[in-house]
Amino acid sequence: MYTQPIKRTVFACLLSSFAALLLSCAGIAQAIGDSADEMGDSRAARALSQSAHSFERALGDITAEQEYFIGRAVAANLLTNYRYCNERPELTRYLNEITAALVVNSSEPELYNGYHAAILDNLEVNAFATPGGHIFITQGLLDCVSSEDTLAAVIAHEIAHIQLQHSIKAIKTNRVINAISDTTLSIAALTGVLDEAAIEIVTTLHDGYAESQEFAADTLALELLAKAGYEPSSLITVLEALKKNQRSTSGGFNKTHPAPDERIAKLERPLRQYGHKAPDADTRTYREARYNAVKSWAFHSPQ
């Protein structure tokens, strides 16, 4: 994934998200008082430090609203490095229809602001999922799919990352709790701590998840596909396509995910529980026709 510097405006967005998270902790508003301006730096710092234990609990039980705003800040960062494609609204709508079919049959069909899929106009083969329901798929990855079922497999994997809260779990590893616990820090220093934390969080979210998390997302993706009536083995088909792509490109999935062969091997056992029964023939025919109709005019990036 990308390694370009984070823009300063994104710092402010992320800091606002964390400020909202801090302010939501039980008792923090009373601790700070009616107006932070009436406090000295040391008093405000003590108030924030006293909320550190609440903040730690909040990381373990972040509300849907907080998760959404953190994810929105991460999405804003993504869009400073990738161009959002808004020239093909019909294709974006198609991606979101597939997303809706997958999540409505899942254990977590609703989020604070719902699930939203979008296209990144970039030939890098990659996809991203942020906390709170944002899913981004690059043009390069769209070029690797061959059917609605394989496209659904890509989306299902990203939905799985969201539902398993892998990004939020990455935030939990941050040193921000210990830093906030330092009662000697001034407001300015605390702001600097959060500024540094923002860099760490975004870096963690975009360097790639642990292999165990990728395997877990693949396994849940099989379940999401099966429940929505898609062929679970379509995920294997996508991984085979990525394996071929891997030979000629670098970066993207090659950098952030385990090797396709390793992922395929890990899927062999969980895939058995779904058997080899194909989805209803009429439904499959409809999906194929819909995919072919959309692909004929919408899948290729505008020149």
C-alpha atoms as a PDB file:
ATOM      1  CA  MET A   1       0.000   0.000   0.000  1.00  0.00           C
ATOM      2  CA  TYR A   2       1.041   3.628  -0.203  1.00  0.00           C
ATOM      3  CA  THR A   3       3.758   5.189   1.897  1.00  0.00           C
ATOM      4  CA  GLN A   4       3.339   8.842   0.993  1.00  0.00           C
ATOM      5  CA  PRO A   5       3.322  11.375   3.837  1.00  0.00           C
ATOM      6  CA  ILE A   6       0.002  12.126   5.499  1.00  0.00           C
ATOM      7  CA  LYS A   7      -1.294  15.603   4.783  1.00  0.00           C
ATOM      8  CA  ARG A   8      -1.727  18.002   7.658  1.00  0.00           C
ATOM      9  CA  THR A   9      -5.431  18.438   6.975  1.00  0.00           C
ATOM     10  CA  VAL A  10      -5.926  14.753   7.616  1.00  0.00           C
ATOM     11  CA  PHE A  11      -4.203  15.158  10.998  1.00  0.00           C
ATOM     12  CA  ALA A  12      -6.925  17.599  11.963  1.00  0.00           C
ATOM     13  CA  CYS A  13      -9.630  15.208  10.826  1.00  0.00           C
ATOM     14  CA  LEU A  14      -8.149  12.321  12.781  1.00  0.00           C
ATOM     15  CA  LEU A  15      -7.558  14.471  15.829  1.00  0.00           C
ATOM     16  CA  SER A  16     -11.175  15.586  15.717  1.00  0.00           C
ATOM     17  CA  SER A  17     -12.241  11.952  15.680  1.00  0.00           C
ATOM     18  CA  PHE A  18     -10.123  11.168  18.705  1.00  0.00           C
ATOM     19  CA  ALA A  19     -11.297  14.294  20.481  1.00  0.00           C
ATOM     20  CA  ALA A  20     -14.888  13.130  19.968  1.00  0.00           C
ATOM     21  CA  LEU A  21     -13.939   9.717  21.275  1.00  0.00           C
ATOM     22  CA  LEU A  22     -12.355  11.212  24.388  1.00  0.00           C
ATOM     23  CA  LEU A  23     -15.265  13.518  25.036  1.00  0.00           C
ATOM     24  CA  SER A  24     -17.676  10.606  24.848  1.00  0.00           C
ATOM     25  CA  CYS A  25     -16.051   8.768  27.752  1.00  0.00           C
ATOM     26  CA  ALA A  26     -18.226   8.676  30.854  1.00  0.00           C
ATOM     27  CA  GLY A  27     -17.541  11.553  33.207  1.00  0.00           C
ATOM     28  CA  ILE A  28     -15.055  13.417  31.003  1.00  0.00           C
ATOM     29  CA  ALA A  29     -17.353  16.393  30.352  1.00  0.00           C
ATOM     30  CA  GLN A  30     -17.915  16.852  34.074  1.00  0.00           C
ATOM     31  CA  ALA A  31     -14.196  16.461  34.758  1.00  0.00           C
ATOM     32  CA  ILE A  32     -13.264  19.120  32.255  1.00  0.00           C
ATOM     33  CA  GLY A  33     -16.059  21.466  33.287  1.00  0.00           C
ATOM     34  CA  ASP A  34     -18.233  23.835  31.366  1.00  0.00           C
ATOM     35  CA  SER A  35     -15.378  25.586  29.605  1.00  0.00           C
ATOM     36  CA  ALA A  36     -11.874  24.313  28.965  1.00  0.00           C
ATOM     37  CA  ASP A  37     -10.830  27.901  28.416  1.00  0.00           C
ATOM     38  CA  GLU A  38     -11.351  28.604  32.106  1.00  0.00           C
ATOM     39  CA  MET A  39      -8.757  26.021  33.089  1.00  0.00           C
ATOM     40  CA  GLY A  40      -5.014  26.220  33.159  1.00  0.00           C
ATOM     41  CA  ASP A  41      -3.032  23.776  31.071  1.00  0.00           C
ATOM     42  CA  SER A  42      -2.144  21.648  34.091  1.00  0.00           C
ATOM     43  CA  ARG A  43      -5.739  21.335  35.265  1.00  0.00           C
ATOM     44  CA  ALA A  44      -6.964  20.372  31.791  1.00  0.00           C
ATOM     45  CA  ALA A  45      -4.111  17.906  31.458  1.00  0.00           C
ATOM     46  CA  ARG A  46      -5.072  16.289  34.776  1.00  0.00           C
ATOM     47  CA  ALA A  47      -8.683  16.073  33.640  1.00  0.00           C
ATOM     48  CA  LEU A  48      -7.675  14.336  30.433  1.00  0.00           C
ATOM     49  CA  SER A  49      -5.320  12.045  32.316  1.00  0.00           C
ATOM     50  CA  GLN A  50      -8.101  11.058  34.690  1.00  0.00           C
ATOM     51  CA  SER A  51     -10.089   9.970  31.649  1.00  0.00           C
ATOM     52  CA  ALA A  52      -7.331   7.669  30.395  1.00  0.00           C
ATOM     53  CA  HIS A  53      -8.952   4.620  31.946  1.00  0.00           C
ATOM     54  CA  SER A  54     -12.235   5.547  30.267  1.00  0.00           C
ATOM     55  CA  PHE A  55     -10.401   6.027  26.980  1.00  0.00           C
ATOM     56  CA  GLU A  56      -8.851   2.583  27.316  1.00  0.00           C
ATOM     57  CA  ARG A  57     -12.277   1.072  27.843  1.00  0.00           C
ATOM     58  CA  ALA A  58     -13.557   3.059  24.861  1.00  0.00           C
ATOM     59  CA  LEU A  59     -10.940   1.483  22.623  1.00  0.00           C
ATOM     60  CA  GLY A  60     -12.305  -1.883  23.640  1.00  0.00           C
ATOM     61  CA  ASP A  61     -15.896  -0.803  23.088  1.00  0.00           C
ATOM     62  CA  ILE A  62     -15.868   1.988  20.517  1.00  0.00           C
ATOM     63  CA  THR A  63     -19.356   3.095  19.575  1.00  0.00           C
ATOM     64  CA  ALA A  64     -20.625   2.754  16.031  1.00  0.00           C
ATOM     65  CA  GLU A  65     -20.563   6.542  15.671  1.00  0.00           C
ATOM     66  CA  GLN A  66     -16.956   6.819  16.843  1.00  0.00           C
ATOM     67  CA  GLU A  67     -15.921   3.995  14.538  1.00  0.00           C
ATOM     68  CA  TYR A  68     -17.538   5.764  11.607  1.00  0.00           C
ATOM     69  CA  PHE A  69     -15.766   9.072  12.223  1.00  0.00           C
ATOM     70  CA  ILE A  70     -12.400   7.375  12.681  1.00  0.00           C
ATOM     71  CA  GLY A  71     -13.028   5.507   9.425  1.00  0.00           C
ATOM     72  CA  ARG A  72     -14.020   8.698   7.651  1.00  0.00           C
ATOM     73  CA  ALA A  73     -10.718  10.266   8.633  1.00  0.00           C
ATOM     74  CA  VAL A  74      -8.829   7.260   7.285  1.00  0.00           C
ATOM     75  CA  ALA A  75     -10.895   7.405   4.087  1.00  0.00           C
ATOM     76  CA  ALA A  76      -9.970  11.082   3.707  1.00  0.00           C
ATOM     77  CA  ASN A  77      -6.323  10.071   3.956  1.00  0.00           C
ATOM     78  CA  LEU A  78      -6.784   7.445   1.252  1.00  0.00           C
ATOM     79  CA  LEU A  79      -8.251  10.021  -1.073  1.00  0.00           C
ATOM     80  CA  THR A  80      -5.163  12.205  -0.759  1.00  0.00           C
ATOM     81  CA  ASN A  81      -3.189   9.391  -2.387  1.00  0.00           C
ATOM     82  CA  TYR A  82      -5.716   7.819  -4.737  1.00  0.00           C
ATOM     83  CA  ARG A  83      -8.091   9.514  -7.144  1.00  0.00           C
ATOM     84  CA  TYR A  84     -11.746   8.850  -6.431  1.00  0.00           C
ATOM     85  CA  CYS A  85     -13.545   7.804  -9.603  1.00  0.00           C
ATOM     86  CA  ASN A  86     -16.869   9.596  -9.932  1.00  0.00           C
ATOM     87  CA  GLU A  87     -17.278   9.292 -13.707  1.00  0.00           C
ATOM     88  CA  ARG A  88     -19.067   5.920 -13.531  1.00  0.00           C
ATOM     89  CA  PRO A  89     -21.963   6.229 -11.092  1.00  0.00           C
ATOM     90  CA  GLU A  90     -23.680   3.163 -12.573  1.00  0.00           C
ATOM     91  CA  LEU A  91     -20.686   0.960 -11.752  1.00  0.00           C
ATOM     92  CA  THR A  92     -20.469   2.420  -8.260  1.00  0.00           C
ATOM     93  CA  ARG A  93     -24.176   1.687  -7.815  1.00  0.00           C
ATOM     94  CA  TYR A  94     -23.566  -1.892  -8.982  1.00  0.00           C
ATOM     95  CA  LEU A  95     -20.799  -2.360  -6.407  1.00  0.00           C
ATOM     96  CA  ASN A  96     -23.079  -1.037  -3.693  1.00  0.00           C
ATOM     97  CA  GLU A  97     -25.914  -3.354  -4.730  1.00  0.00           C
ATOM     98  CA  ILE A  98     -23.572  -6.316  -4.314  1.00  0.00           C
ATOM     99  CA  THR A  99     -22.381  -4.921  -0.995  1.00  0.00           C
ATOM    100  CA  ALA A 100     -25.976  -4.593   0.210  1.00  0.00           C
ATOM    101  CA  ALA A 101     -26.768  -8.182  -0.790  1.00  0.00           C
ATOM    102  CA  LEU A 102     -23.767  -9.417   1.182  1.00  0.00           C
ATOM    103  CA  VAL A 103     -24.361  -7.442   4.367  1.00  0.00           C
ATOM    104  CA  VAL A 104     -28.142  -7.853   4.592  1.00  0.00           C
ATOM    105  CA  ASN A 105     -27.597 -11.578   5.050  1.00  0.00           C
ATOM    106  CA  SER A 106     -24.705 -11.142   7.502  1.00  0.00           C
ATOM    107  CA  SER A 107     -24.572 -10.963  11.283  1.00  0.00           C
ATOM    108  CA  GLU A 108     -23.973  -7.195  11.104  1.00  0.00           C
ATOM    109  CA  PRO A 109     -26.236  -5.791   8.400  1.00  0.00           C
ATOM    110  CA  GLU A 110     -26.307  -2.237   9.770  1.00  0.00           C
ATOM    111  CA  LEU A 111     -23.614   0.263  10.694  1.00  0.00           C
ATOM    112  CA  TYR A 112     -23.839   3.846  11.930  1.00  0.00           C
ATOM    113  CA  ASN A 113     -23.809   5.231   8.382  1.00  0.00           C
ATOM    114  CA  GLY A 114     -24.070   1.983   6.440  1.00  0.00           C
ATOM    115  CA  TYR A 115     -21.625   0.279   4.096  1.00  0.00           C
ATOM    116  CA  HIS A 116     -20.393   2.233   1.084  1.00  0.00           C
ATOM    117  CA  ALA A 117     -18.278   0.973  -1.811  1.00  0.00           C
ATOM    118  CA  ALA A 118     -16.349   3.250  -4.161  1.00  0.00           C
ATOM    119  CA  ILE A 119     -13.837   2.999  -6.991  1.00  0.00           C
ATOM    120  CA  LEU A 120     -10.296   4.338  -6.936  1.00  0.00           C
ATOM    121  CA  ASP A 121      -9.033   5.297 -10.391  1.00  0.00           C
ATOM    122  CA  ASN A 122      -5.694   3.557 -10.059  1.00  0.00           C
ATOM    123  CA  LEU A 123      -4.249   0.513 -11.831  1.00  0.00           C
ATOM    124  CA  GLU A 124      -2.651  -0.787  -8.637  1.00  0.00           C
ATOM    125  CA  VAL A 125      -4.313  -4.066  -7.655  1.00  0.00           C
ATOM    126  CA  ASN A 126      -5.699  -3.323  -4.216  1.00  0.00           C
ATOM    127  CA  ALA A 127      -8.727  -2.778  -2.005  1.00  0.00           C
ATOM    128  CA  PHE A 128      -9.183  -1.029   1.335  1.00  0.00           C
ATOM    129  CA  ALA A 129     -11.729  -1.169   4.125  1.00  0.00           C
ATOM    130  CA  THR A 130     -11.866   1.457   6.844  1.00  0.00           C
ATOM    131  CA  PRO A 131     -13.660   1.340  10.186  1.00  0.00           C
ATOM    132  CA  GLY A 132     -17.288   2.272   9.923  1.00  0.00           C
ATOM    133  CA  GLY A 133     -18.068   0.812   6.510  1.00  0.00           C
ATOM    134  CA  HIS A 134     -15.977   2.458   3.768  1.00  0.00           C
ATOM    135  CA  ILE A 135     -14.829   0.073   1.015  1.00  0.00           C
ATOM    136  CA  PHE A 136     -12.504   1.180  -1.786  1.00  0.00           C
ATOM    137  CA  ILE A 137     -11.628  -0.974  -4.800  1.00  0.00           C
ATOM    138  CA  THR A 138      -9.020   0.060  -7.338  1.00  0.00           C
ATOM    139  CA  GLN A 139      -9.520  -0.126 -11.070  1.00  0.00           C
ATOM    140  CA  GLY A 140      -6.607  -2.539 -11.190  1.00  0.00           C
ATOM    141  CA  LEU A 141      -8.446  -4.999  -8.970  1.00  0.00           C
ATOM    142  CA  LEU A 142     -11.670  -4.596 -10.949  1.00  0.00           C
ATOM    143  CA  ASP A 143      -9.692  -5.668 -14.009  1.00  0.00           C
ATOM    144  CA  CYS A 144      -8.857  -8.949 -12.222  1.00  0.00           C
ATOM    145  CA  VAL A 145     -12.434 -10.094 -11.651  1.00  0.00           C
ATOM    146  CA  SER A 146     -14.338 -12.156 -14.208  1.00  0.00           C
ATOM    147  CA  SER A 147     -17.893 -12.406 -12.887  1.00  0.00           C
ATOM    148  CA  GLU A 148     -20.301 -10.919 -10.361  1.00  0.00           C
ATOM    149  CA  ASP A 149     -19.418 -13.765  -7.993  1.00  0.00           C
ATOM    150  CA  THR A 150     -15.699 -12.961  -8.108  1.00  0.00           C
ATOM    151  CA  LEU A 151     -16.444  -9.269  -7.624  1.00  0.00           C
ATOM    152  CA  ALA A 152     -18.638 -10.216  -4.661  1.00  0.00           C
ATOM    153  CA  ALA A 153     -15.725 -12.236  -3.267  1.00  0.00           C
ATOM    154  CA  VAL A 154     -13.488  -9.141  -3.303  1.00  0.00           C
ATOM    155  CA  ILE A 155     -16.148  -7.080  -1.559  1.00  0.00           C
ATOM    156  CA  ALA A 156     -16.930  -9.857   0.935  1.00  0.00           C
ATOM    157  CA  HIS A 157     -13.281  -9.971   2.025  1.00  0.00           C
ATOM    158  CA  GLU A 158     -13.318  -6.235   2.736  1.00  0.00           C
ATOM    159  CA  ILE A 159     -16.659  -6.451   4.559  1.00  0.00           C
ATOM    160  CA  ALA A 160     -15.132  -9.196   6.691  1.00  0.00           C
ATOM    161  CA  HIS A 161     -12.299  -6.863   7.748  1.00  0.00           C
ATOM    162  CA  ILE A 162     -14.911  -4.313   8.827  1.00  0.00           C
ATOM    163  CA  GLN A 163     -17.099  -6.786  10.711  1.00  0.00           C
ATOM    164  CA  LEU A 164     -14.087  -8.370  12.434  1.00  0.00           C
ATOM    165  CA  GLN A 165     -12.968  -4.839  13.429  1.00  0.00           C
ATOM    166  CA  HIS A 166      -9.406  -5.391  12.292  1.00  0.00           C
ATOM    167  CA  SER A 167      -8.737  -1.655  11.929  1.00  0.00           C
ATOM    168  CA  ILE A 168     -10.056  -0.931  15.411  1.00  0.00           C
ATOM    169  CA  LYS A 169      -7.895  -3.703  16.824  1.00  0.00           C
ATOM    170  CA  ALA A 170      -4.912  -2.043  15.170  1.00  0.00           C
ATOM    171  CA  ILE A 171      -5.745   1.163  17.029  1.00  0.00           C
ATOM    172  CA  LYS A 172      -5.614  -0.715  20.337  1.00  0.00           C
ATOM    173  CA  THR A 173      -1.898  -1.307  19.896  1.00  0.00           C
ATOM    174  CA  ASN A 174      -1.195   2.424  19.942  1.00  0.00           C
ATOM    175  CA  ARG A 175       0.887   4.061  22.681  1.00  0.00           C
ATOM    176  CA  VAL A 176      -1.581   6.921  23.035  1.00  0.00           C
ATOM    177  CA  ILE A 177      -3.119   5.582  26.267  1.00  0.00           C
ATOM    178  CA  ASN A 178       0.195   5.620  28.119  1.00  0.00           C
ATOM    179  CA  ALA A 179       1.006   9.054  26.749  1.00  0.00           C
ATOM    180  CA  ILE A 180      -2.319  10.528  27.837  1.00  0.00           C
ATOM    181  CA  SER A 181      -1.783   9.025  31.286  1.00  0.00           C
ATOM    182  CA  ASP A 182       1.193  11.337  31.772  1.00  0.00           C
ATOM    183  CA  THR A 183      -0.237  14.012  34.108  1.00  0.00           C
ATOM    184  CA  THR A 184       2.669  16.366  33.439  1.00  0.00           C
ATOM    185  CA  LEU A 185       1.740  16.974  29.803  1.00  0.00           C
ATOM    186  CA  SER A 186       0.357  20.338  28.775  1.00  0.00           C
ATOM    187  CA  ILE A 187      -2.539  20.742  26.365  1.00  0.00           C
ATOM    188  CA  ALA A 188      -0.061  21.517  23.592  1.00  0.00           C
ATOM    189  CA  ALA A 189       1.902  18.384  24.386  1.00  0.00           C
ATOM    190  CA  LEU A 190      -1.264  16.293  24.507  1.00  0.00           C
ATOM    191  CA  THR A 191      -2.185  17.633  21.082  1.00  0.00           C
ATOM    192  CA  GLY A 192       1.231  16.570  19.864  1.00  0.00           C
ATOM    193  CA  VAL A 193       0.687  13.096  21.300  1.00  0.00           C
ATOM    194  CA  LEU A 194      -2.551  12.725  19.376  1.00  0.00           C
ATOM    195  CA  ASP A 195      -0.855  14.112  16.285  1.00  0.00           C
ATOM    196  CA  GLU A 196       1.826  11.425  16.572  1.00  0.00           C
ATOM    197  CA  ALA A 197      -0.836   8.806  17.304  1.00  0.00           C
ATOM    198  CA  ALA A 198      -2.642   9.737  14.099  1.00  0.00           C
ATOM    199  CA  ILE A 199       0.475   8.950  12.088  1.00  0.00           C
ATOM    200  CA  GLU A 200       0.896   5.602  13.835  1.00  0.00           C
ATOM    201  CA  ILE A 201      -2.749   4.643  13.384  1.00  0.00           C
ATOM    202  CA  VAL A 202      -2.912   5.446   9.681  1.00  0.00           C
ATOM    203  CA  THR A 203       0.413   3.698   9.088  1.00  0.00           C
ATOM    204  CA  THR A 204      -0.809   0.597  10.929  1.00  0.00           C
ATOM    205  CA  LEU A 205      -4.063   0.533   8.992  1.00  0.00           C
ATOM    206  CA  HIS A 206      -2.325   0.823   5.629  1.00  0.00           C
ATOM    207  CA  ASP A 207       0.762  -1.349   5.996  1.00  0.00           C
ATOM    208  CA  GLY A 208      -1.414  -4.448   5.883  1.00  0.00           C
ATOM    209  CA  TYR A 209      -3.069  -6.639   8.464  1.00  0.00           C
ATOM    210  CA  ALA A 210      -1.472  -9.610  10.174  1.00  0.00           C
ATOM    211  CA  GLU A 211      -1.599 -12.844   8.190  1.00  0.00           C
ATOM    212  CA  SER A 212      -3.959 -14.355  10.756  1.00  0.00           C
ATOM    213  CA  GLN A 213      -6.378 -11.475  10.177  1.00  0.00           C
ATOM    214  CA  GLU A 214      -6.236 -11.911   6.416  1.00  0.00           C
ATOM    215  CA  PHE A 215      -6.992 -15.619   6.793  1.00  0.00           C
ATOM    216  CA  ALA A 216      -9.870 -14.810   9.161  1.00  0.00           C
ATOM    217  CA  ALA A 217     -11.279 -12.312   6.634  1.00  0.00           C
ATOM    218  CA  ASP A 218     -11.072 -14.943   3.897  1.00  0.00           C
ATOM    219  CA  THR A 219     -12.936 -17.458   6.049  1.00  0.00           C
ATOM    220  CA  LEU A 220     -15.708 -15.015   6.928  1.00  0.00           C
ATOM    221  CA  ALA A 221     -15.905 -13.981   3.271  1.00  0.00           C
ATOM    222  CA  LEU A 222     -16.865 -17.575   2.394  1.00  0.00           C
ATOM    223  CA  GLU A 223     -19.762 -17.376   4.845  1.00  0.00           C
ATOM    224  CA  LEU A 224     -20.901 -13.993   3.534  1.00  0.00           C
ATOM    225  CA  LEU A 225     -20.857 -15.278  -0.038  1.00  0.00           C
ATOM    226  CA  ALA A 226     -22.778 -18.443   0.797  1.00  0.00           C
ATOM    227  CA  LYS A 227     -25.462 -16.617   2.788  1.00  0.00           C
ATOM    228  CA  ALA A 228     -26.020 -14.152  -0.060  1.00  0.00           C
ATOM    229  CA  GLY A 229     -26.361 -16.950  -2.623  1.00  0.00           C
ATOM    230  CA  TYR A 230     -22.987 -16.487  -4.289  1.00  0.00           C
ATOM    231  CA  GLU A 231     -20.570 -19.318  -4.965  1.00  0.00           C
ATOM    232  CA  PRO A 232     -18.047 -19.392  -2.061  1.00  0.00           C
ATOM    233  CA  SER A 233     -15.370 -20.902  -4.304  1.00  0.00           C
ATOM    234  CA  SER A 234     -15.373 -17.648  -6.287  1.00  0.00           C
ATOM    235  CA  LEU A 235     -12.874 -16.387  -3.717  1.00  0.00           C
ATOM    236  CA  ILE A 236     -10.471 -19.098  -4.897  1.00  0.00           C
ATOM    237  CA  THR A 237     -11.045 -17.923  -8.468  1.00  0.00           C
ATOM    238  CA  VAL A 238     -10.077 -14.374  -7.484  1.00  0.00           C
ATOM    239  CA  LEU A 239      -6.957 -15.580  -5.685  1.00  0.00           C
ATOM    240  CA  GLU A 240      -5.933 -17.567  -8.767  1.00  0.00           C
ATOM    241  CA  ALA A 241      -6.297 -14.385 -10.831  1.00  0.00           C
ATOM    242  CA  LEU A 242      -4.230 -12.446  -8.288  1.00  0.00           C
ATOM    243  CA  LYS A 243      -1.579 -15.159  -8.454  1.00  0.00           C
ATOM    244  CA  LYS A 244      -1.238 -14.600 -12.207  1.00  0.00           C
ATOM    245  CA  ASN A 245      -1.165 -10.841 -11.704  1.00  0.00           C
ATOM    246  CA  GLN A 246       1.487 -11.180  -9.007  1.00  0.00           C
ATOM    247  CA  ARG A 247       4.037 -12.378 -11.515  1.00  0.00           C
ATOM    248  CA  SER A 248       3.993  -9.130 -13.474  1.00  0.00           C
ATOM    249  CA  THR A 249       3.383  -6.458 -10.850  1.00  0.00           C
ATOM    250  CA  SER A 250       4.683  -5.349  -7.482  1.00  0.00           C
ATOM    251  CA  GLY A 251       3.080  -3.462  -4.619  1.00  0.00           C
ATOM    252  CA  GLY A 252      -0.616  -3.505  -3.884  1.00  0.00           C
ATOM    253  CA  PHE A 253      -1.850  -6.922  -2.789  1.00  0.00           C
ATOM    254  CA  ASN A 254       1.641  -8.333  -3.183  1.00  0.00           C
ATOM    255  CA  LYS A 255       2.837  -6.060  -0.393  1.00  0.00           C
ATOM    256  CA  THR A 256      -0.107  -6.168   1.971  1.00  0.00           C
ATOM    257  CA  HIS A 257      -1.462  -9.726   1.759  1.00  0.00           C
ATOM    258  CA  PRO A 258      -0.126 -13.260   2.160  1.00  0.00           C
ATOM    259  CA  ALA A 259       0.727 -15.072  -1.078  1.00  0.00           C
ATOM    260  CA  PRO A 260      -2.342 -16.310  -2.995  1.00  0.00           C
ATOM    261  CA  ASP A 261      -1.156 -19.929  -2.788  1.00  0.00           C
ATOM    262  CA  GLU A 262      -0.975 -19.682   0.989  1.00  0.00           C
ATOM    263  CA  ARG A 263      -4.446 -18.183   1.209  1.00  0.00           C
ATOM    264  CA  ILE A 264      -5.882 -20.842  -1.103  1.00  0.00           C
ATOM    265  CA  ALA A 265      -4.346 -23.587   1.047  1.00  0.00           C
ATOM    266  CA  LYS A 266      -5.866 -22.060   4.187  1.00  0.00           C
ATOM    267  CA  LEU A 267      -9.301 -21.977   2.537  1.00  0.00           C
ATOM    268  CA  GLU A 268      -9.399 -25.641   1.569  1.00  0.00           C
ATOM    269  CA  ARG A 269     -10.806 -26.872   4.878  1.00  0.00           C
ATOM    270  CA  PRO A 270     -13.420 -24.140   5.560  1.00  0.00           C
ATOM    271  CA  LEU A 271     -14.570 -24.320   1.946  1.00  0.00           C
ATOM    272  CA  ARG A 272     -15.541 -27.987   2.371  1.00  0.00           C
ATOM    273  CA  GLN A 273     -18.474 -27.158   4.612  1.00  0.00           C
ATOM    274  CA  TYR A 274     -20.166 -25.399   1.699  1.00  0.00           C
ATOM    275  CA  GLY A 275     -19.871 -28.445  -0.528  1.00  0.00           C
ATOM    276  CA  HIS A 276     -19.843 -28.228  -4.292  1.00  0.00           C
ATOM    277  CA  LYS A 277     -23.488 -27.418  -4.866  1.00  0.00           C
ATOM    278  CA  ALA A 278     -23.762 -24.510  -7.253  1.00  0.00           C
ATOM    279  CA  PRO A 279     -26.196 -21.669  -6.521  1.00  0.00           C
ATOM    280  CA  ASP A 280     -29.639 -21.786  -8.091  1.00  0.00           C
ATOM    281  CA  ALA A 281     -29.201 -21.879 -11.857  1.00  0.00           C
ATOM    282  CA  ASP A 282     -31.732 -19.131 -12.570  1.00  0.00           C
ATOM    283  CA  THR A 283     -30.082 -16.811 -10.044  1.00  0.00           C
ATOM    284  CA  ARG A 284     -26.659 -17.525 -11.478  1.00  0.00           C
ATOM    285  CA  THR A 285     -27.893 -16.816 -14.989  1.00  0.00           C
ATOM    286  CA  TYR A 286     -29.305 -13.487 -13.860  1.00  0.00           C
ATOM    287  CA  ARG A 287     -26.036 -12.529 -12.145  1.00  0.00           C
ATOM    288  CA  GLU A 288     -24.011 -13.435 -15.223  1.00  0.00           C
ATOM    289  CA  ALA A 289     -26.273 -11.384 -17.478  1.00  0.00           C
ATOM    290  CA  ARG A 290     -26.161  -8.401 -15.154  1.00  0.00           C
ATOM    291  CA  TYR A 291     -22.360  -8.549 -14.848  1.00  0.00           C
ATOM    292  CA  ASN A 292     -21.879  -8.829 -18.617  1.00  0.00           C
ATOM    293  CA  ALA A 293     -24.198  -5.882 -19.227  1.00  0.00           C
ATOM    294  CA  VAL A 294     -22.334  -3.686 -16.766  1.00  0.00           C
ATOM    295  CA  LYS A 295     -18.893  -4.840 -17.866  1.00  0.00           C
ATOM    296  CA  SER A 296     -19.564  -4.044 -21.516  1.00  0.00           C
ATOM    297  CA  TRP A 297     -19.581  -0.298 -20.883  1.00  0.00           C
ATOM    298  CA  ALA A 298     -18.602   0.476 -17.315  1.00  0.00           C
ATOM    299  CA  PHE A 299     -15.654  -1.569 -16.128  1.00  0.00           C
ATOM    300  CA  HIS A 300     -12.797   0.073 -17.970  1.00  0.00           C
ATOM    301  CA  SER A 301     -11.296   3.299 -16.690  1.00  0.00           C
ATOM    302  CA  PRO A 302     -12.189   6.377 -18.770  1.00  0.00           C
ATOM    303  CA  GLN A 303      -9.299   7.529 -20.932  1.00  0.00           C
END
